[in-house]
Amino acid sequence: MQAAAYAVLFFDVDGTIIYHPPAMDALEVVAKAHPTPAVRDAFLALRDNGHKTFICTGRPLCLVSQSLLDLEPAGLITGAGSCVSVDGRVVKERVIPLDVLEGTVDRLAEVGASVIFEGTEGCVTLVPGGGNYPGNTDIPVARNFSQMRELSNLRFNKFSYESSQLEALKQVDDFCLEHYTRFDLGIGYGEYGQKGIDKGWGVRQALEILGHGVEDTYAFGDSENDLPMLQVVETPVAMGNALESIKEASAYITDSVQDDGVATACRHFGLI
């Protein structure tokens, strides 16, 4: 495949494009936080210079905020890599098989683990003991698989959890780790993505759709679920606030998200 005349850049969101203030709940950040002017200017400059940007996030497509869309990316890789959109259209998607989903929900309900199942078209919180999911009042709540079927189309890409739920979740590791990969997001939350379907998978699908090789590709990240995409691009970039494992896997460590590290790195590589 011939090298293209443009670079393709893949950006994580939380901890990379958007800063998580310690005092703000992660779900509140998803709803309210937005990129700084410096990051927005960097995205628009990349576009004006002919490069293609992809937002590559664990967030499901239905929770991608307008402030992220205003960065005018060429595409979105959402659901921790399981859904690829280009020019506003979903072109690749992998959902949890129905039998695996039912088995997952039944086992999580048995151990009383509360999680959020996330899909392209909607989300449902599983709270086996009843009540609301901690910090969330907007997403529908189910206590079991039967209620989840009533509240959704059952097309979910992954599920996420508060770190306080990890002890309960580990009680069903035998089943879950057979079907999912668990990632620590480093912000008091984690997620279970479908085994073999991760941000690296999403990046490969996007490059194939573009007809672009690995040359002149960059990925920016800070936490465990970013590692698969860092491993499939030519130049992996770690944020200054990244986990140590991400820094070790990167070719360049930029400034922290608080200091607009995305813009710093783009200038460093002469892309803007």
Protein backbone atom coordinates (compact mmCIF):
# COMPACT_ATOMS: atom_id res chain seq x y z
CA MET A 1 0.00 0.00 0.00
CA GLN A 2 1.42 3.38 -0.98
CA ALA A 3 1.97 5.98 1.71
CA ALA A 4 -0.70 8.66 1.75
CA ALA A 5 0.09 12.34 1.61
CA TYR A 6 -1.57 12.97 4.96
CA ALA A 7 -1.23 11.74 8.53
CA VAL A 8 -3.99 9.99 10.48
CA LEU A 9 -4.21 10.74 14.20
CA PHE A 10 -6.21 8.86 16.83
CA PHE A 11 -7.05 10.60 20.12
CA ASP A 12 -8.37 9.17 23.35
CA VAL A 13 -10.80 11.52 25.10
CA ASP A 14 -10.80 11.27 28.88
CA GLY A 15 -7.38 12.19 30.21
CA THR A 16 -6.13 13.10 26.72
CA ILE A 17 -8.47 15.62 25.08
CA ILE A 18 -10.48 16.32 28.23
CA TYR A 19 -9.21 16.86 31.76
CA HIS A 20 -10.88 15.17 34.73
CA PRO A 21 -10.80 17.50 37.76
CA PRO A 22 -10.31 15.33 40.88
CA ALA A 23 -13.40 16.81 42.55
CA MET A 24 -15.71 16.08 39.61
CA ASP A 25 -17.37 12.68 39.17
CA ALA A 26 -16.37 10.93 35.94
CA LEU A 27 -19.97 10.74 34.70
CA GLU A 28 -20.33 14.47 35.28
CA VAL A 29 -17.17 15.03 33.23
CA VAL A 30 -18.65 13.02 30.34
CA ALA A 31 -21.73 15.24 30.41
CA LYS A 32 -20.18 18.66 31.00
CA ALA A 33 -16.43 18.87 30.32
CA HIS A 34 -15.15 20.03 26.95
CA PRO A 35 -11.81 20.50 25.15
CA THR A 36 -9.82 23.67 25.78
CA PRO A 37 -9.47 26.32 23.05
CA ALA A 38 -5.87 25.16 22.45
CA VAL A 39 -6.99 21.60 21.76
CA ARG A 40 -9.83 22.76 19.51
CA ASP A 41 -7.42 24.99 17.56
CA ALA A 42 -5.03 22.06 17.16
CA PHE A 43 -7.77 19.85 15.71
CA LEU A 44 -8.88 22.52 13.25
CA ALA A 45 -5.26 23.20 12.24
CA LEU A 46 -4.71 19.48 11.61
CA ARG A 47 -7.79 19.45 9.38
CA ASP A 48 -6.67 22.58 7.53
CA ASN A 49 -3.26 20.98 6.93
CA GLY A 50 -4.92 17.99 5.26
CA HIS A 51 -4.57 15.46 8.07
CA LYS A 52 -7.37 13.21 9.32
CA THR A 53 -8.30 12.99 12.98
CA PHE A 54 -10.26 10.29 14.76
CA ILE A 55 -11.65 10.52 18.25
CA CYS A 56 -11.01 7.08 19.78
CA THR A 57 -12.88 6.73 23.04
CA GLY A 58 -14.36 4.27 25.45
CA ARG A 59 -17.53 6.36 25.43
CA PRO A 60 -20.39 4.86 23.40
CA LEU A 61 -21.52 6.77 20.33
CA CYS A 62 -24.71 7.89 22.09
CA LEU A 63 -22.65 9.72 24.75
CA VAL A 64 -20.24 11.55 22.47
CA SER A 65 -20.85 15.20 23.33
CA GLN A 66 -21.38 18.04 20.90
CA SER A 67 -18.16 19.66 22.15
CA LEU A 68 -16.24 16.65 20.80
CA LEU A 69 -18.14 16.68 17.50
CA ASP A 70 -17.26 20.38 17.21
CA LEU A 71 -13.62 19.32 16.80
CA GLU A 72 -14.76 18.17 13.33
CA PRO A 73 -12.96 14.81 13.29
CA ALA A 74 -12.90 12.70 10.14
CA GLY A 75 -14.36 9.86 12.18
CA LEU A 76 -15.19 8.38 15.55
CA ILE A 77 -14.07 5.13 17.12
CA THR A 78 -16.37 4.59 20.07
CA GLY A 79 -17.30 1.89 22.55
CA ALA A 80 -13.60 1.22 23.28
CA GLY A 81 -12.97 0.40 19.62
CA SER A 82 -16.10 -1.60 18.83
CA CYS A 83 -17.86 0.98 16.65
CA VAL A 84 -16.26 2.92 13.78
CA SER A 85 -18.01 5.89 12.19
CA VAL A 86 -16.79 7.89 9.20
CA ASP A 87 -18.48 11.03 7.93
CA GLY A 88 -21.32 10.57 10.43
CA ARG A 89 -22.12 7.00 9.38
CA VAL A 90 -21.44 3.77 11.29
CA VAL A 91 -19.35 1.56 9.02
CA LYS A 92 -18.13 -1.15 11.43
CA GLU A 93 -19.59 -2.40 14.71
CA ARG A 94 -19.28 -5.40 17.02
CA VAL A 95 -21.85 -6.00 19.75
CA ILE A 96 -21.77 -8.48 22.63
CA PRO A 97 -23.39 -11.76 21.45
CA LEU A 98 -26.81 -12.19 23.03
CA ASP A 99 -25.99 -15.43 24.84
CA VAL A 100 -22.82 -13.91 26.29
CA LEU A 101 -24.72 -10.79 27.32
CA GLU A 102 -27.40 -12.81 29.14
CA GLY A 103 -24.77 -14.93 30.87
CA THR A 104 -22.90 -11.78 31.91
CA VAL A 105 -25.96 -10.05 33.33
CA ASP A 106 -27.08 -13.17 35.22
CA ARG A 107 -23.66 -13.60 36.84
CA LEU A 108 -23.28 -9.92 37.72
CA ALA A 109 -26.75 -9.97 39.29
CA GLU A 110 -25.80 -13.01 41.38
CA VAL A 111 -22.84 -11.20 42.96
CA GLY A 112 -24.63 -7.85 43.23
CA ALA A 113 -22.27 -5.94 40.91
CA SER A 114 -23.58 -2.61 39.56
CA VAL A 115 -22.32 -1.65 36.07
CA ILE A 116 -23.32 0.32 32.99
CA PHE A 117 -23.90 -1.56 29.72
CA GLU A 118 -23.09 0.80 26.87
CA GLY A 119 -24.25 0.66 23.27
CA THR A 120 -24.24 2.80 20.16
CA GLU A 121 -27.94 3.64 20.52
CA GLY A 122 -28.31 3.68 24.29
CA CYS A 123 -27.15 2.54 27.73
CA VAL A 124 -28.68 0.65 30.63
CA THR A 125 -27.39 0.46 34.21
CA LEU A 126 -27.55 -2.88 35.97
CA VAL A 127 -28.24 -2.37 39.69
CA PRO A 128 -29.22 -5.79 41.08
CA GLY A 129 -30.16 -4.40 44.49
CA GLY A 130 -32.42 -1.70 43.05
CA GLY A 131 -32.13 2.08 43.22
CA ASN A 132 -29.98 4.26 40.98
CA TYR A 133 -26.44 3.76 39.75
CA PRO A 134 -24.02 5.89 41.84
CA GLY A 135 -23.68 9.37 40.38
CA ASN A 136 -26.15 8.73 37.57
CA THR A 137 -29.86 9.54 37.29
CA ASP A 138 -30.44 9.72 33.53
CA ILE A 139 -29.68 6.20 32.25
CA PRO A 140 -32.44 3.59 32.65
CA VAL A 141 -31.93 1.09 35.49
CA ALA A 142 -32.51 -2.67 35.32
CA ARG A 143 -32.21 -5.26 38.10
CA ASN A 144 -31.90 -8.30 35.83
CA PHE A 145 -31.76 -9.43 32.21
CA SER A 146 -35.54 -9.49 31.81
CA GLN A 147 -35.81 -5.81 32.74
CA MET A 148 -32.82 -4.99 30.52
CA ARG A 149 -34.68 -6.57 27.58
CA GLU A 150 -37.66 -4.30 28.29
CA LEU A 151 -35.50 -1.17 28.41
CA SER A 152 -33.23 -1.65 25.40
CA ASN A 153 -32.51 -3.36 22.10
CA LEU A 154 -29.77 -5.41 23.88
CA ARG A 155 -27.14 -4.19 21.42
CA PHE A 156 -24.28 -3.36 23.77
CA ASN A 157 -20.58 -3.01 22.99
CA LYS A 158 -19.11 -3.16 26.50
CA PHE A 159 -19.78 -2.46 30.16
CA SER A 160 -18.08 -0.13 32.61
CA TYR A 161 -17.82 -0.06 36.37
CA GLU A 162 -16.82 2.08 39.33
CA SER A 163 -13.64 0.85 41.02
CA SER A 164 -15.68 0.15 44.17
CA GLN A 165 -17.39 -2.68 42.23
CA LEU A 166 -14.18 -4.47 41.27
CA GLU A 167 -14.15 -6.83 44.26
CA ALA A 168 -17.61 -8.12 43.35
CA LEU A 169 -16.73 -8.33 39.66
CA LYS A 170 -13.69 -10.47 40.36
CA GLN A 171 -16.00 -13.13 41.78
CA VAL A 172 -17.12 -13.88 38.22
CA ASP A 173 -13.70 -13.60 36.55
CA ASP A 174 -13.88 -17.17 35.26
CA PHE A 175 -16.76 -16.23 32.96
CA CYS A 176 -16.04 -12.56 32.28
CA LEU A 177 -12.36 -12.86 31.43
CA GLU A 178 -13.21 -15.66 29.00
CA HIS A 179 -15.29 -13.21 26.96
CA TYR A 180 -13.92 -9.76 27.85
CA THR A 181 -10.73 -7.86 28.53
CA ARG A 182 -10.76 -5.68 31.65
CA PHE A 183 -9.11 -2.26 31.55
CA ASP A 184 -8.31 0.20 34.34
CA LEU A 185 -9.16 3.70 33.08
CA GLY A 186 -7.16 5.36 35.84
CA ILE A 187 -9.99 7.72 36.87
CA GLY A 188 -11.80 5.57 39.42
CA TYR A 189 -13.53 3.62 36.65
CA GLY A 190 -12.79 0.59 34.50
CA GLU A 191 -14.40 -1.25 31.61
CA TYR A 192 -14.84 -4.70 30.12
CA GLY A 193 -14.49 -4.77 26.32
CA GLN A 194 -15.19 -7.71 24.08
CA LYS A 195 -12.13 -9.94 23.81
CA GLY A 196 -10.25 -9.11 20.61
CA ILE A 197 -12.34 -5.97 20.02
CA ASP A 198 -10.45 -2.98 21.36
CA LYS A 199 -9.15 0.41 20.27
CA GLY A 200 -6.46 -1.32 18.22
CA TRP A 201 -9.15 -3.20 16.30
CA GLY A 202 -11.01 0.05 15.69
CA VAL A 203 -7.87 1.83 14.45
CA ARG A 204 -7.11 -1.00 12.00
CA GLN A 205 -10.67 -0.84 10.64
CA ALA A 206 -10.43 2.94 10.19
CA LEU A 207 -7.11 2.71 8.33
CA GLU A 208 -8.49 -0.02 6.09
CA ILE A 209 -11.53 2.12 5.25
CA LEU A 210 -9.25 5.06 4.43
CA GLY A 211 -6.87 2.89 2.42
CA HIS A 212 -4.04 4.24 4.56
CA GLY A 213 -1.04 2.26 5.78
CA VAL A 214 0.66 2.41 9.15
CA GLU A 215 3.07 5.08 7.94
CA ASP A 216 2.28 8.58 9.24
CA THR A 217 -0.11 7.40 11.94
CA TYR A 218 -0.20 8.66 15.51
CA ALA A 219 -2.14 7.70 18.62
CA PHE A 220 -2.51 9.68 21.85
CA GLY A 221 -3.53 8.13 25.15
CA ASP A 222 -3.18 7.89 28.90
CA SER A 223 -4.76 4.70 30.26
CA GLU A 224 -4.84 0.91 29.84
CA ASN A 225 -7.52 0.77 27.17
CA ASP A 226 -5.34 3.00 24.96
CA LEU A 227 -2.50 0.49 24.82
CA PRO A 228 -3.97 -1.58 21.93
CA MET A 229 -4.20 1.50 19.67
CA LEU A 230 -0.72 2.68 20.63
CA GLN A 231 0.60 -0.71 19.50
CA VAL A 232 -0.80 -0.51 15.95
CA VAL A 233 0.33 2.97 14.88
CA GLU A 234 3.71 4.22 13.75
CA THR A 235 4.08 6.84 16.50
CA PRO A 236 2.47 6.20 19.92
CA VAL A 237 2.24 9.30 22.13
CA ALA A 238 1.67 9.26 25.91
CA MET A 239 0.19 12.16 27.79
CA GLY A 240 2.26 13.53 30.67
CA ASN A 241 -0.46 12.29 33.04
CA ALA A 242 -0.50 8.79 31.51
CA LEU A 243 -0.08 5.56 33.46
CA GLU A 244 3.53 4.37 33.56
CA SER A 245 2.73 1.38 31.31
CA ILE A 246 1.49 3.78 28.62
CA LYS A 247 4.59 5.93 28.85
CA GLU A 248 6.79 2.87 28.50
CA ALA A 249 4.93 1.85 25.33
CA SER A 250 5.21 5.27 23.68
CA ALA A 251 7.74 6.90 21.40
CA TYR A 252 7.09 10.38 22.79
CA ILE A 253 5.73 11.74 26.07
CA THR A 254 4.00 15.07 25.72
CA ASP A 255 2.67 17.53 28.28
CA SER A 256 -0.22 16.56 30.55
CA VAL A 257 -3.84 17.02 29.53
CA GLN A 258 -4.05 20.01 31.91
CA ASP A 259 -1.27 21.66 29.87
CA ASP A 260 -2.77 20.90 26.44
CA GLY A 261 -0.37 18.07 25.65
CA VAL A 262 -2.23 17.24 22.43
CA ALA A 263 -1.33 20.63 20.96
CA THR A 264 2.26 20.34 22.22
CA ALA A 265 2.78 17.00 20.49
CA CYS A 266 1.20 18.12 17.23
CA ARG A 267 3.62 21.07 17.13
CA HIS A 268 6.53 18.81 18.06
CA PHE A 269 5.87 16.56 15.07
CA GLY A 270 5.38 19.50 12.71
CA LEU A 271 1.77 18.60 12.01
CA ILE A 272 0.45 22.05 12.86
